[in-house]
């Protein structure tokens, strides 16, 4: 083989494997305690066609490549699933991260049985359980750098990430706010109606803070109005916030903006023009329009002129860069 042919052969091999991503789904695992999707760097070639429910071509159950890999946990929104931010998971894994997306028990697309009084506490606890599993019990735990751990959370996942990072919401303050602003989506939906505000504040405060978390990125952070400057003192890690200026479920002015102001070390705030609440979820599969038109109408339709796919290219890059800098 001549030098030019050898070089071409080597470049083809590198191109085929560079950025290849493996994936494994963990279910019914006693140590994990919940269903998990895990994306990670792999040297195993991926198929030409998509082979996952996320419309991604991944190396299923392939070996993990490399060591000292940073870890990011993705916390989905209320009633979400592990694939709700699959494009971000893929982008991070291509950049060298191990990414784990749990499905929060009692608060996912297949099971919404947990009342707010339960999931407001259990969701942050889920993050700790996931970290315990990934750093101690997962078969490739030794390949993760336990000193580089981040969390990304969307909507209720934003609340989850804040509490996991040390934020302590005040549900007395939140209930008072709902009395004054009953039209705010969380208030009108009655999320706080059946809570004892003082008791709930204590229960969530008792589980707040996992010192292994080194940075959080949150989008459309639900219940951010429940956090004040005092309750945010425990959040000492870097924080990136994304907020849609057209978000009617988690309004920008009453959530992301005051949150960024009250965090003790400030935050990198991105206010996205023309973005609604669900603009931060992965672009929808067109088949959903026929299969479930109600969900399509609620989740998949953006404002005129807003291109979700184009936006996600920027979103995923900025989140990756944030974790690169912060971890």
Protein backbone atom coordinates (compact mmCIF):
# COMPACT_ATOMS: atom_id res chain seq x y z
CA UNK A 1 0.00 0.00 0.00
CA UNK A 2 1.45 3.37 -1.03
CA UNK A 3 1.82 6.30 1.36
CA UNK A 4 -1.16 8.19 -0.07
CA UNK A 5 -3.39 5.12 0.06
CA UNK A 6 -2.26 4.37 3.61
CA UNK A 7 -3.06 7.94 4.69
CA UNK A 8 -6.52 7.70 3.10
CA UNK A 9 -7.14 4.38 4.85
CA UNK A 10 -6.13 5.81 8.24
CA UNK A 11 -8.27 8.92 7.77
CA UNK A 12 -11.29 6.78 6.89
CA UNK A 13 -10.84 4.77 10.07
CA UNK A 14 -10.50 7.91 12.18
CA UNK A 15 -13.52 9.53 10.54
CA UNK A 16 -15.64 6.45 11.11
CA UNK A 17 -14.86 6.23 14.83
CA UNK A 18 -14.36 9.85 15.86
CA UNK A 19 -17.23 10.98 18.00
CA UNK A 20 -18.90 7.56 17.93
CA UNK A 21 -21.38 7.19 20.76
CA UNK A 22 -22.52 4.13 22.65
CA UNK A 23 -25.80 3.76 24.48
CA UNK A 24 -27.20 1.44 27.07
CA UNK A 25 -30.60 1.35 28.71
CA UNK A 26 -30.75 0.23 32.32
CA UNK A 27 -34.07 -1.02 33.68
CA UNK A 28 -35.12 -3.08 36.68
CA UNK A 29 -31.75 -2.51 38.31
CA UNK A 30 -32.00 -2.58 42.09
CA UNK A 31 -28.93 -0.39 42.52
CA UNK A 32 -30.16 2.28 40.11
CA UNK A 33 -33.74 2.17 41.37
CA UNK A 34 -35.12 3.68 38.15
CA UNK A 35 -34.86 3.42 34.38
CA UNK A 36 -31.75 5.10 32.99
CA UNK A 37 -30.49 5.92 29.52
CA UNK A 38 -26.71 6.26 29.28
CA UNK A 39 -24.85 7.84 26.33
CA UNK A 40 -21.05 7.62 26.28
CA UNK A 41 -17.98 7.78 24.03
CA UNK A 42 -17.22 4.50 22.28
CA UNK A 43 -14.80 3.22 19.66
CA UNK A 44 -17.44 0.83 18.30
CA UNK A 45 -18.76 1.86 14.86
CA UNK A 46 -22.38 2.96 14.79
CA UNK A 47 -24.89 1.70 12.21
CA UNK A 48 -25.82 3.77 9.19
CA UNK A 49 -29.48 3.89 10.16
CA UNK A 50 -31.08 5.04 13.41
CA UNK A 51 -31.60 2.14 15.82
CA UNK A 52 -33.09 3.88 18.85
CA UNK A 53 -36.40 5.55 19.80
CA UNK A 54 -34.47 8.85 19.75
CA UNK A 55 -33.87 8.60 15.96
CA UNK A 56 -30.14 8.26 16.66
CA UNK A 57 -27.66 5.70 15.34
CA UNK A 58 -25.81 4.50 18.43
CA UNK A 59 -23.52 1.61 19.35
CA UNK A 60 -25.87 -0.31 21.61
CA UNK A 61 -24.29 -1.77 24.76
CA UNK A 62 -20.82 -1.19 23.29
CA UNK A 63 -17.71 -0.77 25.46
CA UNK A 64 -16.98 2.69 26.88
CA UNK A 65 -13.91 4.36 25.38
CA UNK A 66 -11.41 6.28 27.47
CA UNK A 67 -11.06 7.11 31.14
CA UNK A 68 -11.53 10.14 33.41
CA UNK A 69 -14.75 10.96 31.61
CA UNK A 70 -16.86 13.82 33.04
CA UNK A 71 -20.45 12.95 33.92
CA UNK A 72 -23.64 14.90 33.27
CA UNK A 73 -27.07 13.93 34.61
CA UNK A 74 -30.09 15.12 32.60
CA UNK A 75 -33.30 15.66 34.59
CA UNK A 76 -36.41 15.74 32.40
CA UNK A 77 -39.47 17.91 32.93
CA UNK A 78 -42.78 16.93 34.54
CA UNK A 79 -44.03 13.74 32.88
CA UNK A 80 -40.95 13.52 30.64
CA UNK A 81 -38.72 10.63 29.63
CA UNK A 82 -35.08 9.78 29.06
CA UNK A 83 -35.25 10.80 25.39
CA UNK A 84 -36.62 14.31 25.90
CA UNK A 85 -33.14 15.82 25.55
CA UNK A 86 -31.48 13.09 23.53
CA UNK A 87 -29.81 15.55 21.15
CA UNK A 88 -28.02 17.22 24.07
CA UNK A 89 -27.01 13.83 25.44
CA UNK A 90 -25.58 12.89 22.05
CA UNK A 91 -23.70 16.18 21.68
CA UNK A 92 -22.14 15.82 25.13
CA UNK A 93 -21.20 12.18 24.55
CA UNK A 94 -19.58 13.11 21.23
CA UNK A 95 -17.53 15.65 23.21
CA UNK A 96 -16.31 13.00 25.65
CA UNK A 97 -18.94 13.02 28.40
CA UNK A 98 -20.81 10.15 29.97
CA UNK A 99 -24.44 11.28 30.08
CA UNK A 100 -27.16 9.62 32.13
CA UNK A 101 -30.86 10.47 31.81
CA UNK A 102 -33.05 8.96 34.54
CA UNK A 103 -36.81 8.63 34.32
CA UNK A 104 -38.00 10.03 37.63
CA UNK A 105 -40.22 7.41 39.34
CA UNK A 106 -43.80 8.58 39.71
CA UNK A 107 -43.19 11.63 37.53
CA UNK A 108 -42.47 10.41 34.00
CA UNK A 109 -44.39 9.84 30.80
CA UNK A 110 -45.45 6.32 31.84
CA UNK A 111 -46.19 7.05 35.49
CA UNK A 112 -47.41 10.35 36.89
CA UNK A 113 -48.69 8.85 40.14
CA UNK A 114 -46.53 10.90 42.50
CA UNK A 115 -48.33 13.95 43.95
CA UNK A 116 -46.35 17.20 44.20
CA UNK A 117 -45.71 16.69 47.92
CA UNK A 118 -43.79 13.54 46.96
CA UNK A 119 -41.99 14.45 43.73
CA UNK A 120 -40.79 17.80 45.03
CA UNK A 121 -38.72 15.75 47.50
CA UNK A 122 -38.05 12.58 45.51
CA UNK A 123 -36.74 14.23 42.35
CA UNK A 124 -33.64 15.78 44.00
CA UNK A 125 -33.11 12.51 45.86
CA UNK A 126 -33.18 10.74 42.49
CA UNK A 127 -30.14 12.77 41.40
CA UNK A 128 -28.19 11.56 44.42
CA UNK A 129 -29.27 7.97 43.78
CA UNK A 130 -28.20 8.23 40.14
CA UNK A 131 -24.80 9.62 41.14
CA UNK A 132 -24.37 6.84 43.69
CA UNK A 133 -25.10 4.28 40.99
CA UNK A 134 -23.01 5.79 38.20
CA UNK A 135 -19.98 6.46 40.42
CA UNK A 136 -20.08 3.27 42.47
CA UNK A 137 -22.20 0.47 40.98
CA UNK A 138 -22.25 1.00 37.21
CA UNK A 139 -20.09 -1.52 35.39
CA UNK A 140 -17.94 1.31 33.95
CA UNK A 141 -17.88 3.53 37.02
CA UNK A 142 -14.07 3.46 37.01
CA UNK A 143 -14.06 5.35 33.69
CA UNK A 144 -15.83 8.40 35.21
CA UNK A 145 -14.02 11.31 36.83
CA UNK A 146 -15.99 11.76 40.06
CA UNK A 147 -14.58 15.27 40.43
CA UNK A 148 -16.29 16.45 37.23
CA UNK A 149 -20.04 16.08 37.63
CA UNK A 150 -22.72 18.33 36.18
CA UNK A 151 -26.52 18.36 36.02
CA UNK A 152 -28.80 19.68 33.30
CA UNK A 153 -32.47 20.14 34.14
CA UNK A 154 -35.49 21.29 32.17
CA UNK A 155 -38.66 22.73 33.76
CA UNK A 156 -39.33 20.54 36.83
CA UNK A 157 -35.83 19.26 36.12
CA UNK A 158 -34.55 22.81 36.60
CA UNK A 159 -36.10 22.83 40.07
CA UNK A 160 -34.56 19.40 40.62
CA UNK A 161 -31.07 20.55 39.64
CA UNK A 162 -31.30 23.66 41.83
CA UNK A 163 -32.22 21.65 44.92
CA UNK A 164 -29.61 18.99 44.15
CA UNK A 165 -27.00 21.76 43.93
CA UNK A 166 -27.97 23.15 47.34
CA UNK A 167 -30.93 25.45 46.72
CA UNK A 168 -33.67 25.45 49.37
CA UNK A 169 -37.10 26.61 48.18
CA UNK A 170 -39.46 28.39 50.55
CA UNK A 171 -42.96 27.05 49.97
CA UNK A 172 -44.52 29.63 52.29
CA UNK A 173 -43.09 32.28 49.97
CA UNK A 174 -44.26 30.27 46.95
CA UNK A 175 -47.80 29.90 48.30
CA UNK A 176 -47.98 33.61 49.05
CA UNK A 177 -46.80 34.34 45.54
CA UNK A 178 -49.57 32.14 44.11
CA UNK A 179 -52.13 34.03 46.14
CA UNK A 180 -50.91 37.22 44.49
CA UNK A 181 -50.38 35.75 41.01
CA UNK A 182 -53.00 32.99 40.62
CA UNK A 183 -52.70 33.03 36.83
CA UNK A 184 -49.09 31.79 36.85
CA UNK A 185 -49.28 28.31 35.32
CA UNK A 186 -47.96 26.39 38.34
CA UNK A 187 -50.38 28.29 40.58
CA UNK A 188 -53.41 27.86 38.31
CA UNK A 189 -52.63 24.14 37.98
CA UNK A 190 -52.82 23.82 41.76
CA UNK A 191 -49.36 22.31 42.19
CA UNK A 192 -49.00 23.82 45.64
CA UNK A 193 -52.62 23.51 46.75
CA UNK A 194 -52.35 20.32 48.79
CA UNK A 195 -49.02 21.08 50.46
CA UNK A 196 -48.34 22.15 54.00
CA UNK A 197 -45.91 24.94 53.02
CA UNK A 198 -43.86 24.87 56.22
CA UNK A 199 -43.58 21.08 56.30
CA UNK A 200 -42.71 20.91 52.59
CA UNK A 201 -40.00 23.53 53.04
CA UNK A 202 -38.41 21.42 55.74
CA UNK A 203 -38.67 18.17 53.79
CA UNK A 204 -37.04 19.57 50.66
CA UNK A 205 -34.43 21.46 52.64
CA UNK A 206 -33.38 18.23 54.32
CA UNK A 207 -32.45 16.62 50.98
CA UNK A 208 -30.94 19.70 49.32
CA UNK A 209 -27.33 19.67 48.22
CA UNK A 210 -25.05 17.00 46.80
CA UNK A 211 -21.44 18.12 47.04
CA UNK A 212 -20.39 15.97 44.10
CA UNK A 213 -22.18 18.34 41.70
CA UNK A 214 -19.77 20.86 40.19
CA UNK A 215 -22.05 22.86 37.85
CA UNK A 216 -25.66 23.02 36.70
CA UNK A 217 -27.34 24.19 33.52
CA UNK A 218 -31.10 24.70 33.73
CA UNK A 219 -33.75 25.60 31.18
CA UNK A 220 -37.19 27.06 31.92
CA UNK A 221 -36.57 26.46 35.66
CA UNK A 222 -39.92 25.50 37.19
CA UNK A 223 -40.85 26.93 40.59
CA UNK A 224 -37.91 29.32 40.50
CA UNK A 225 -40.16 31.87 42.21
CA UNK A 226 -39.97 29.68 45.34
CA UNK A 227 -36.26 30.45 45.76
CA UNK A 228 -35.01 33.67 47.32
CA UNK A 229 -31.48 34.93 47.95
CA UNK A 230 -31.37 33.28 51.38
CA UNK A 231 -32.47 29.90 50.06
CA UNK A 232 -29.93 30.09 47.25
CA UNK A 233 -26.91 30.63 49.48
CA UNK A 234 -26.10 26.93 49.29
CA UNK A 235 -25.68 27.06 45.49
CA UNK A 236 -21.97 27.79 45.19
CA UNK A 237 -21.35 26.07 41.84
CA UNK A 238 -21.47 27.78 38.42
CA UNK A 239 -25.01 28.07 37.05
CA UNK A 240 -26.20 28.55 33.48
CA UNK A 241 -29.86 29.50 32.93
CA UNK A 242 -31.91 29.30 29.73
CA UNK A 243 -35.30 30.98 29.48
CA UNK A 244 -37.76 31.49 26.66
CA UNK A 245 -39.11 35.00 26.42
CA UNK A 246 -42.46 33.59 25.25
CA UNK A 247 -42.67 30.90 27.94
CA UNK A 248 -46.19 30.92 29.37
CA UNK A 249 -45.68 27.99 31.74
CA UNK A 250 -42.53 29.24 33.45
CA UNK A 251 -42.62 32.97 32.72
CA UNK A 252 -39.24 34.55 32.21
CA UNK A 253 -39.91 37.62 34.36
CA UNK A 254 -41.02 35.72 37.49
CA UNK A 255 -38.58 32.82 37.33
CA UNK A 256 -35.31 32.93 35.40
CA UNK A 257 -34.66 36.66 35.75
CA UNK A 258 -35.03 36.92 39.57
CA UNK A 259 -33.27 33.58 39.97
CA UNK A 260 -30.21 34.83 38.10
CA UNK A 261 -30.26 37.99 40.21
CA UNK A 262 -30.50 36.18 43.56
CA UNK A 263 -27.91 33.44 43.06
CA UNK A 264 -24.93 34.26 45.30
CA UNK A 265 -22.40 34.02 42.45
CA UNK A 266 -24.74 35.17 39.71
CA UNK A 267 -25.48 33.08 36.64
CA UNK A 268 -24.94 32.96 32.91
CA UNK A 269 -28.45 33.88 31.74
CA UNK A 270 -29.62 33.24 28.19
CA UNK A 271 -33.00 34.79 27.40
CA UNK A 272 -34.12 33.30 24.10
CA UNK A 273 -36.22 35.48 21.83
CA UNK A 274 -39.38 33.84 20.40
CA UNK A 275 -38.84 30.66 22.45
CA UNK A 276 -41.73 29.08 24.31
CA UNK A 277 -41.57 26.57 27.13
CA UNK A 278 -41.06 23.42 25.07
CA UNK A 279 -38.48 24.96 22.73
CA UNK A 280 -35.80 23.36 24.93
CA UNK A 281 -37.02 19.83 24.26
CA UNK A 282 -35.65 17.84 21.35
CA UNK A 283 -37.30 18.62 17.98
CA UNK A 284 -40.30 16.34 17.60
CA UNK A 285 -40.61 13.29 15.42
CA UNK A 286 -43.04 14.31 12.64
CA UNK A 287 -44.91 11.02 13.13
CA UNK A 288 -46.13 12.30 16.49
CA UNK A 289 -48.52 14.67 14.73
CA UNK A 290 -50.60 11.70 13.61
CA UNK A 291 -49.97 9.38 16.55
CA UNK A 292 -50.75 11.91 19.29
CA UNK A 293 -52.03 15.23 17.92
CA UNK A 294 -52.72 16.59 21.43
CA UNK A 295 -49.09 16.22 22.51
CA UNK A 296 -47.94 17.51 19.13
CA UNK A 297 -50.02 20.65 19.56
CA UNK A 298 -48.77 21.23 23.11
CA UNK A 299 -45.09 20.34 22.80
CA UNK A 300 -44.01 20.58 19.17
CA UNK A 301 -45.35 23.82 17.72
CA UNK A 302 -43.12 26.88 18.08
CA UNK A 303 -43.76 30.53 17.31
CA UNK A 304 -43.58 31.73 13.72
CA UNK A 305 -40.01 32.16 12.60
CA UNK A 306 -38.50 30.11 15.44
CA UNK A 307 -36.51 27.14 14.13
CA UNK A 308 -36.10 24.67 16.98
CA UNK A 309 -33.57 22.50 15.16
CA UNK A 310 -31.33 25.47 14.40
CA UNK A 311 -31.69 26.76 17.96
CA UNK A 312 -30.71 23.39 19.42
CA UNK A 313 -27.43 23.47 17.53
CA UNK A 314 -26.56 26.63 19.46
CA UNK A 315 -28.14 25.42 22.70
CA UNK A 316 -26.22 22.15 22.78
CA UNK A 317 -22.95 23.83 21.88
CA UNK A 318 -23.33 26.48 24.59
CA UNK A 319 -24.24 23.91 27.24
CA UNK A 320 -21.25 21.76 26.24
CA UNK A 321 -18.94 24.79 26.42
CA UNK A 322 -20.37 25.74 29.82
CA UNK A 323 -19.65 22.32 31.27
CA UNK A 324 -16.21 22.29 29.62
CA UNK A 325 -15.34 25.54 31.40
CA UNK A 326 -17.03 24.78 34.70
CA UNK A 327 -15.95 21.18 35.23
